[in-house]
C-alpha atoms as a PDB file:
ATOM      1  CA  UNK A   1      10.045 -15.353 -37.748  1.00  0.00           C
ATOM      2  CA  UNK A   2      13.629 -13.872 -37.453  1.00  0.00           C
ATOM      3  CA  UNK A   3      14.487 -13.739 -40.911  1.00  0.00           C
ATOM      4  CA  UNK A   4      16.193 -10.705 -41.623  1.00  0.00           C
ATOM      5  CA  UNK A   5      15.493  -8.956 -44.988  1.00  0.00           C
ATOM      6  CA  UNK A   6      17.955  -8.435 -47.440  1.00  0.00           C
ATOM      7  CA  UNK A   7      18.925  -7.646 -50.886  1.00  0.00           C
ATOM      8  CA  UNK A   8      21.370  -9.264 -52.920  1.00  0.00           C
ATOM      9  CA  UNK A   9      22.785  -9.061 -56.295  1.00  0.00           C
ATOM     10  CA  UNK A  10      22.657 -11.139 -59.665  1.00  0.00           C
ATOM     11  CA  UNK A  11      25.915 -12.613 -58.811  1.00  0.00           C
ATOM     12  CA  UNK A  12      25.529 -15.078 -60.792  1.00  0.00           C
ATOM     13  CA  UNK A  13      26.384 -14.722 -64.779  1.00  0.00           C
ATOM     14  CA  UNK A  14      24.350 -17.687 -65.822  1.00  0.00           C
ATOM     15  CA  UNK A  15      22.357 -17.753 -62.916  1.00  0.00           C
ATOM     16  CA  UNK A  16      20.488 -21.571 -62.044  1.00  0.00           C
ATOM     17  CA  UNK A  17      16.590 -20.183 -63.712  1.00  0.00           C
ATOM     18  CA  UNK A  18      13.253 -22.255 -62.792  1.00  0.00           C
ATOM     19  CA  UNK A  19      15.415 -24.746 -60.356  1.00  0.00           C
ATOM     20  CA  UNK A  20      14.324 -26.550 -57.069  1.00  0.00           C
ATOM     21  CA  UNK A  21      16.346 -27.065 -54.266  1.00  0.00           C
ATOM     22  CA  UNK A  22      17.811 -27.923 -50.436  1.00  0.00           C
ATOM     23  CA  UNK A  23      19.472 -26.743 -47.945  1.00  0.00           C
ATOM     24  CA  UNK A  24      20.968 -30.107 -46.552  1.00  0.00           C
ATOM     25  CA  UNK A  25      23.707 -29.674 -44.460  1.00  0.00           C
ATOM     26  CA  UNK A  26      25.366 -25.928 -43.171  1.00  0.00           C
ATOM     27  CA  UNK A  27      27.637 -26.363 -40.500  1.00  0.00           C
ATOM     28  CA  UNK A  28      27.945 -22.999 -38.431  1.00  0.00           C
ATOM     29  CA  UNK A  29      30.880 -23.076 -36.260  1.00  0.00           C
ATOM     30  CA  UNK A  30      31.721 -20.637 -33.389  1.00  0.00           C
ATOM     31  CA  UNK A  31      34.680 -20.541 -31.529  1.00  0.00           C
ATOM     32  CA  UNK A  32      33.779 -21.003 -28.006  1.00  0.00           C
ATOM     33  CA  UNK A  33      36.404 -18.232 -26.877  1.00  0.00           C
ATOM     34  CA  UNK A  34      33.478 -16.191 -29.023  1.00  0.00           C
ATOM     35  CA  UNK A  35      31.162 -17.169 -26.760  1.00  0.00           C
ATOM     36  CA  UNK A  36      29.604 -16.428 -23.526  1.00  0.00           C
ATOM     37  CA  UNK A  37      30.512 -19.012 -20.061  1.00  0.00           C
ATOM     38  CA  UNK A  38      27.685 -20.252 -18.774  1.00  0.00           C
ATOM     39  CA  UNK A  39      27.383 -22.300 -15.663  1.00  0.00           C
ATOM     40  CA  UNK A  40      26.244 -25.793 -15.511  1.00  0.00           C
ATOM     41  CA  UNK A  41      23.225 -26.880 -13.190  1.00  0.00           C
ATOM     42  CA  UNK A  42      22.628 -30.259 -12.250  1.00  0.00           C
ATOM     43  CA  UNK A  43      18.525 -32.447 -12.208  1.00  0.00           C
ATOM     44  CA  UNK A  44      17.556 -29.905  -9.464  1.00  0.00           C
ATOM     45  CA  UNK A  45      18.952 -27.093 -10.365  1.00  0.00           C
ATOM     46  CA  UNK A  46      21.856 -26.525  -8.329  1.00  0.00           C
ATOM     47  CA  UNK A  47      24.625 -24.903 -10.159  1.00  0.00           C
ATOM     48  CA  UNK A  48      27.523 -27.904 -10.538  1.00  0.00           C
ATOM     49  CA  UNK A  49      31.261 -27.279  -9.764  1.00  0.00           C
ATOM     50  CA  UNK A  50      34.008 -29.490  -8.572  1.00  0.00           C
ATOM     51  CA  UNK A  51      36.861 -28.802  -5.998  1.00  0.00           C
ATOM     52  CA  UNK A  52      40.464 -27.318  -6.799  1.00  0.00           C
ATOM     53  CA  UNK A  53      42.691 -27.846  -3.638  1.00  0.00           C
ATOM     54  CA  UNK A  54      40.847 -25.314  -1.896  1.00  0.00           C
ATOM     55  CA  UNK A  55      38.357 -23.682  -4.241  1.00  0.00           C
ATOM     56  CA  UNK A  56      35.368 -24.554  -5.207  1.00  0.00           C
ATOM     57  CA  UNK A  57      34.865 -24.323  -8.972  1.00  0.00           C
ATOM     58  CA  UNK A  58      31.984 -23.713 -10.709  1.00  0.00           C
ATOM     59  CA  UNK A  59      31.247 -26.811 -14.431  1.00  0.00           C
ATOM     60  CA  UNK A  60      30.908 -24.080 -17.183  1.00  0.00           C
ATOM     61  CA  UNK A  61      30.014 -24.417 -20.527  1.00  0.00           C
ATOM     62  CA  UNK A  62      29.601 -21.753 -23.951  1.00  0.00           C
ATOM     63  CA  UNK A  63      26.489 -20.928 -25.379  1.00  0.00           C
ATOM     64  CA  UNK A  64      25.174 -21.859 -28.013  1.00  0.00           C
ATOM     65  CA  UNK A  65      22.496 -20.141 -30.771  1.00  0.00           C
ATOM     66  CA  UNK A  66      18.595 -20.476 -29.223  1.00  0.00           C
ATOM     67  CA  UNK A  67      16.508 -21.895 -31.943  1.00  0.00           C
ATOM     68  CA  UNK A  68      14.802 -18.464 -33.236  1.00  0.00           C
ATOM     69  CA  UNK A  69      18.419 -17.385 -34.205  1.00  0.00           C
ATOM     70  CA  UNK A  70      18.751 -21.191 -35.807  1.00  0.00           C
ATOM     71  CA  UNK A  71      16.298 -20.646 -38.180  1.00  0.00           C
ATOM     72  CA  UNK A  72      16.546 -16.953 -38.731  1.00  0.00           C
ATOM     73  CA  UNK A  73      19.868 -18.270 -39.946  1.00  0.00           C
ATOM     74  CA  UNK A  74      18.488 -20.841 -42.292  1.00  0.00           C
ATOM     75  CA  UNK A  75      16.337 -18.414 -43.560  1.00  0.00           C
ATOM     76  CA  UNK A  76      18.486 -15.262 -44.200  1.00  0.00           C
ATOM     77  CA  UNK A  77      20.559 -18.418 -46.239  1.00  0.00           C
ATOM     78  CA  UNK A  78      18.003 -19.568 -48.184  1.00  0.00           C
ATOM     79  CA  UNK A  79      16.593 -16.088 -49.081  1.00  0.00           C
ATOM     80  CA  UNK A  80      20.409 -15.717 -50.597  1.00  0.00           C
ATOM     81  CA  UNK A  81      19.954 -18.250 -52.307  1.00  0.00           C
ATOM     82  CA  UNK A  82      16.293 -17.503 -54.158  1.00  0.00           C
ATOM     83  CA  UNK A  83      17.371 -14.252 -54.677  1.00  0.00           C
ATOM     84  CA  UNK A  84      21.466 -14.527 -56.203  1.00  0.00           C
ATOM     85  CA  UNK A  85      20.409 -18.240 -58.234  1.00  0.00           C
ATOM     86  CA  UNK A  86      16.863 -17.734 -58.976  1.00  0.00           C
ATOM     87  CA  UNK A  87      15.929 -20.931 -57.840  1.00  0.00           C
ATOM     88  CA  UNK A  88      12.121 -21.261 -57.224  1.00  0.00           C
ATOM     89  CA  UNK A  89      12.180 -23.577 -53.667  1.00  0.00           C
ATOM     90  CA  UNK A  90      14.896 -23.773 -51.477  1.00  0.00           C
ATOM     91  CA  UNK A  91      13.532 -26.252 -48.573  1.00  0.00           C
ATOM     92  CA  UNK A  92      15.137 -25.701 -45.297  1.00  0.00           C
ATOM     93  CA  UNK A  93      16.125 -29.775 -43.733  1.00  0.00           C
ATOM     94  CA  UNK A  94      16.324 -28.915 -40.505  1.00  0.00           C
ATOM     95  CA  UNK A  95      16.484 -32.143 -37.781  1.00  0.00           C
ATOM     96  CA  UNK A  96      14.502 -34.774 -36.712  1.00  0.00           C
ATOM     97  CA  UNK A  97      16.746 -34.028 -33.639  1.00  0.00           C
ATOM     98  CA  UNK A  98      19.437 -33.124 -31.793  1.00  0.00           C
ATOM     99  CA  UNK A  99      22.938 -34.914 -31.299  1.00  0.00           C
ATOM    100  CA  UNK A 100      24.415 -34.526 -27.688  1.00  0.00           C
ATOM    101  CA  UNK A 101      27.483 -35.584 -29.994  1.00  0.00           C
ATOM    102  CA  UNK A 102      28.646 -32.050 -30.637  1.00  0.00           C
ATOM    103  CA  UNK A 103      31.956 -30.434 -31.266  1.00  0.00           C
ATOM    104  CA  UNK A 104      32.418 -28.141 -28.975  1.00  0.00           C
ATOM    105  CA  UNK A 105      32.159 -25.202 -31.589  1.00  0.00           C
ATOM    106  CA  UNK A 106      28.784 -26.327 -33.006  1.00  0.00           C
ATOM    107  CA  UNK A 107      25.848 -24.750 -33.093  1.00  0.00           C
ATOM    108  CA  UNK A 108      23.362 -26.629 -33.252  1.00  0.00           C
ATOM    109  CA  UNK A 109      20.273 -28.030 -35.024  1.00  0.00           C
ATOM    110  CA  UNK A 110      21.304 -26.218 -38.100  1.00  0.00           C
ATOM    111  CA  UNK A 111      20.427 -28.760 -41.244  1.00  0.00           C
ATOM    112  CA  UNK A 112      23.130 -32.009 -41.411  1.00  0.00           C
ATOM    113  CA  UNK A 113      22.530 -34.461 -44.165  1.00  0.00           C
ATOM    114  CA  UNK A 114      24.546 -36.924 -46.177  1.00  0.00           C
ATOM    115  CA  UNK A 115      23.772 -35.865 -49.690  1.00  0.00           C
ATOM    116  CA  UNK A 116      23.103 -39.726 -49.825  1.00  0.00           C
ATOM    117  CA  UNK A 117      20.369 -39.627 -47.051  1.00  0.00           C
ATOM    118  CA  UNK A 118      19.384 -35.956 -48.186  1.00  0.00           C
ATOM    119  CA  UNK A 119      18.627 -37.562 -51.587  1.00  0.00           C
ATOM    120  CA  UNK A 120      16.541 -40.051 -50.831  1.00  0.00           C
ATOM    121  CA  UNK A 121      14.487 -37.510 -49.384  1.00  0.00           C
ATOM    122  CA  UNK A 122      14.272 -34.274 -51.574  1.00  0.00           C
ATOM    123  CA  UNK A 123      13.813 -34.760 -54.820  1.00  0.00           C
ATOM    124  CA  UNK A 124      15.338 -31.381 -56.244  1.00  0.00           C
ATOM    125  CA  UNK A 125      16.699 -30.461 -58.319  1.00  0.00           C
ATOM    126  CA  UNK A 126      20.211 -28.822 -56.282  1.00  0.00           C
ATOM    127  CA  UNK A 127      21.371 -29.385 -53.055  1.00  0.00           C
ATOM    128  CA  UNK A 128      22.626 -26.676 -51.394  1.00  0.00           C
ATOM    129  CA  UNK A 129      25.389 -27.225 -48.169  1.00  0.00           C
ATOM    130  CA  UNK A 130      27.831 -24.348 -46.194  1.00  0.00           C
ATOM    131  CA  UNK A 131      30.096 -24.065 -43.832  1.00  0.00           C
ATOM    132  CA  UNK A 132      31.134 -20.812 -41.628  1.00  0.00           C
ATOM    133  CA  UNK A 133      33.048 -20.429 -40.020  1.00  0.00           C
ATOM    134  CA  UNK A 134      33.918 -17.537 -37.043  1.00  0.00           C
ATOM    135  CA  UNK A 135      37.514 -17.342 -34.979  1.00  0.00           C
ATOM    136  CA  UNK A 136      38.900 -15.063 -33.055  1.00  0.00           C
ATOM    137  CA  UNK A 137      38.495 -13.404 -29.477  1.00  0.00           C
ATOM    138  CA  UNK A 138      36.393 -11.211 -28.082  1.00  0.00           C
ATOM    139  CA  UNK A 139      37.709  -8.168 -25.317  1.00  0.00           C
ATOM    140  CA  UNK A 140      37.025  -4.708 -25.897  1.00  0.00           C
ATOM    141  CA  UNK A 141      39.494  -2.546 -23.824  1.00  0.00           C
ATOM    142  CA  UNK A 142      39.925  -1.907 -20.291  1.00  0.00           C
ATOM    143  CA  UNK A 143      39.928   1.521 -18.024  1.00  0.00           C
ATOM    144  CA  UNK A 144      42.065   1.565 -14.620  1.00  0.00           C
ATOM    145  CA  UNK A 145      42.446   4.572 -12.499  1.00  0.00           C
ATOM    146  CA  UNK A 146      41.482   6.961 -15.432  1.00  0.00           C
ATOM    147  CA  UNK A 147      43.754   5.465 -17.830  1.00  0.00           C
ATOM    148  CA  UNK A 148      42.654   3.313 -21.170  1.00  0.00           C
ATOM    149  CA  UNK A 149      43.901   0.445 -21.951  1.00  0.00           C
ATOM    150  CA  UNK A 150      43.264  -0.805 -25.291  1.00  0.00           C
ATOM    151  CA  UNK A 151      43.033  -4.586 -26.333  1.00  0.00           C
ATOM    152  CA  UNK A 152      41.628  -5.950 -29.573  1.00  0.00           C
ATOM    153  CA  UNK A 153      38.246  -7.082 -30.796  1.00  0.00           C
ATOM    154  CA  UNK A 154      38.691  -9.425 -33.375  1.00  0.00           C
ATOM    155  CA  UNK A 155      36.643 -12.194 -35.350  1.00  0.00           C
ATOM    156  CA  UNK A 156      37.340 -13.220 -39.283  1.00  0.00           C
ATOM    157  CA  UNK A 157      34.801 -14.857 -40.354  1.00  0.00           C
ATOM    158  CA  UNK A 158      34.834 -18.004 -43.238  1.00  0.00           C
ATOM    159  CA  UNK A 159      32.015 -18.069 -45.460  1.00  0.00           C
ATOM    160  CA  UNK A 160      31.912 -21.226 -48.173  1.00  0.00           C
ATOM    161  CA  UNK A 161      28.092 -22.122 -49.832  1.00  0.00           C
ATOM    162  CA  UNK A 162      28.798 -24.925 -52.849  1.00  0.00           C
ATOM    163  CA  UNK A 163      25.338 -25.975 -54.698  1.00  0.00           C
ATOM    164  CA  UNK A 164      25.829 -29.546 -56.460  1.00  0.00           C
ATOM    165  CA  UNK A 165      23.833 -31.594 -59.012  1.00  0.00           C
ATOM    166  CA  UNK A 166      22.354 -34.732 -57.436  1.00  0.00           C
ATOM    167  CA  UNK A 167      25.223 -37.408 -58.701  1.00  0.00           C
ATOM    168  CA  UNK A 168      27.427 -35.696 -56.884  1.00  0.00           C
ATOM    169  CA  UNK A 169      29.592 -32.915 -58.557  1.00  0.00           C
ATOM    170  CA  UNK A 170      29.734 -29.471 -57.854  1.00  0.00           C
ATOM    171  CA  UNK A 171      27.529 -27.187 -59.944  1.00  0.00           C
ATOM    172  CA  UNK A 172      29.404 -24.044 -58.326  1.00  0.00           C
ATOM    173  CA  UNK A 173      31.160 -23.213 -55.236  1.00  0.00           C
ATOM    174  CA  UNK A 174      31.508 -19.575 -53.750  1.00  0.00           C
ATOM    175  CA  UNK A 175      33.841 -18.763 -50.798  1.00  0.00           C
ATOM    176  CA  UNK A 176      34.936 -15.727 -48.975  1.00  0.00           C
ATOM    177  CA  UNK A 177      37.179 -14.836 -46.058  1.00  0.00           C
ATOM    178  CA  UNK A 178      36.967 -12.156 -43.668  1.00  0.00           C
ATOM    179  CA  UNK A 179      39.266 -11.040 -41.256  1.00  0.00           C
ATOM    180  CA  UNK A 180      39.143  -7.922 -38.800  1.00  0.00           C
ATOM    181  CA  UNK A 181      35.391  -7.777 -38.606  1.00  0.00           C
ATOM    182  CA  UNK A 182      35.656  -4.625 -36.128  1.00  0.00           C
ATOM    183  CA  UNK A 183      32.777  -2.899 -38.151  1.00  0.00           C
ATOM    184  CA  UNK A 184      29.986  -5.063 -37.233  1.00  0.00           C
ATOM    185  CA  UNK A 185      30.726  -3.672 -33.791  1.00  0.00           C
ATOM    186  CA  UNK A 186      29.733  -0.372 -33.198  1.00  0.00           C
ATOM    187  CA  UNK A 187      28.258   0.204 -29.339  1.00  0.00           C
ATOM    188  CA  UNK A 188      30.829   0.786 -26.605  1.00  0.00           C
ATOM    189  CA  UNK A 189      28.843  -0.245 -22.911  1.00  0.00           C
ATOM    190  CA  UNK A 190      30.259  -0.934 -19.616  1.00  0.00           C
ATOM    191  CA  UNK A 191      30.141  -4.996 -19.981  1.00  0.00           C
ATOM    192  CA  UNK A 192      31.546  -5.317 -15.706  1.00  0.00           C
ATOM    193  CA  UNK A 193      32.762  -2.778 -12.800  1.00  0.00           C
ATOM    194  CA  UNK A 194      35.340  -4.979 -11.316  1.00  0.00           C
ATOM    195  CA  UNK A 195      35.247  -2.529  -8.451  1.00  0.00           C
ATOM    196  CA  UNK A 196      35.213   0.800  -7.878  1.00  0.00           C
ATOM    197  CA  UNK A 197      38.511   1.704 -10.356  1.00  0.00           C
ATOM    198  CA  UNK A 198      38.596  -0.538 -12.562  1.00  0.00           C
ATOM    199  CA  UNK A 199      35.666  -1.197 -15.791  1.00  0.00           C
ATOM    200  CA  UNK A 200      35.800  -3.412 -18.334  1.00  0.00           C
ATOM    201  CA  UNK A 201      34.250  -1.913 -21.617  1.00  0.00           C
ATOM    202  CA  UNK A 202      32.995  -2.980 -25.100  1.00  0.00           C
ATOM    203  CA  UNK A 203      31.902  -7.274 -25.678  1.00  0.00           C
ATOM    204  CA  UNK A 204      33.234  -9.240 -23.719  1.00  0.00           C
ATOM    205  CA  UNK A 205      31.862 -12.342 -25.932  1.00  0.00           C
ATOM    206  CA  UNK A 206      29.481 -12.075 -28.721  1.00  0.00           C
ATOM    207  CA  UNK A 207      26.268 -11.936 -28.762  1.00  0.00           C
ATOM    208  CA  UNK A 208      23.783 -13.955 -30.162  1.00  0.00           C
ATOM    209  CA  UNK A 209      22.545 -10.854 -32.411  1.00  0.00           C
ATOM    210  CA  UNK A 210      26.328 -10.128 -32.423  1.00  0.00           C
ATOM    211  CA  UNK A 211      27.021 -13.870 -34.532  1.00  0.00           C
ATOM    212  CA  UNK A 212      23.971 -13.359 -36.292  1.00  0.00           C
ATOM    213  CA  UNK A 213      24.812  -9.714 -38.250  1.00  0.00           C
ATOM    214  CA  UNK A 214      28.387 -11.252 -38.861  1.00  0.00           C
ATOM    215  CA  UNK A 215      27.235 -14.065 -41.320  1.00  0.00           C
ATOM    216  CA  UNK A 216      24.554 -11.392 -42.290  1.00  0.00           C
ATOM    217  CA  UNK A 217      27.826  -9.481 -43.588  1.00  0.00           C
ATOM    218  CA  UNK A 218      29.335 -12.340 -44.782  1.00  0.00           C
ATOM    219  CA  UNK A 219      26.851 -14.109 -47.034  1.00  0.00           C
ATOM    220  CA  UNK A 220      26.360 -10.418 -48.395  1.00  0.00           C
ATOM    221  CA  UNK A 221      30.250  -9.448 -49.115  1.00  0.00           C
ATOM    222  CA  UNK A 222      29.790 -13.228 -50.342  1.00  0.00           C
ATOM    223  CA  UNK A 223      28.076 -12.286 -53.125  1.00  0.00           C
ATOM    224  CA  UNK A 224      29.105  -9.065 -53.926  1.00  0.00           C
END
């Protein structure tokens, strides 16, 4: 398990005590522009592509989170809710199967149930839904012939956590929007070398660990 250990101050004036809950809907979206572009492969292992004029262009997709990171992010949310709300237990309603018809920005593998279906599967006091949205662009900066040209690294995060009663009434909603999360990136490195004079510095996309760090920072800010 890769769950991050974290401590949250009690943020509620009247925390929910001695109750059970389930995370039934966790919508985790990361803009495609923030994720690494990867080639697509056919069943024989060859890179897929198509002709555009005189050029052959590779078919690409955007990297998604692997199962370990999905599990770690869900468990981080679980740990925060246990600490802040004082629940006795919180289950995580992982999907049984992964849909192939997903939005390009959707990270797959997170809980995605309706309240009606979750209520049939889980006899708990509260149902938790969480929405996370990471938007922006990542480019680092470029050094050309010893002249540095800066470019911005901009990532904006929005996160909302809602606790629902079984009848659908909202017990509490907490939401936060954080702009320009440049402080989450304190490393500078050569992302690629285009030629002997040109280097692209900094991150060109968010790694999976970057995404997890941004979620953790946003969650801590939400419950601060």
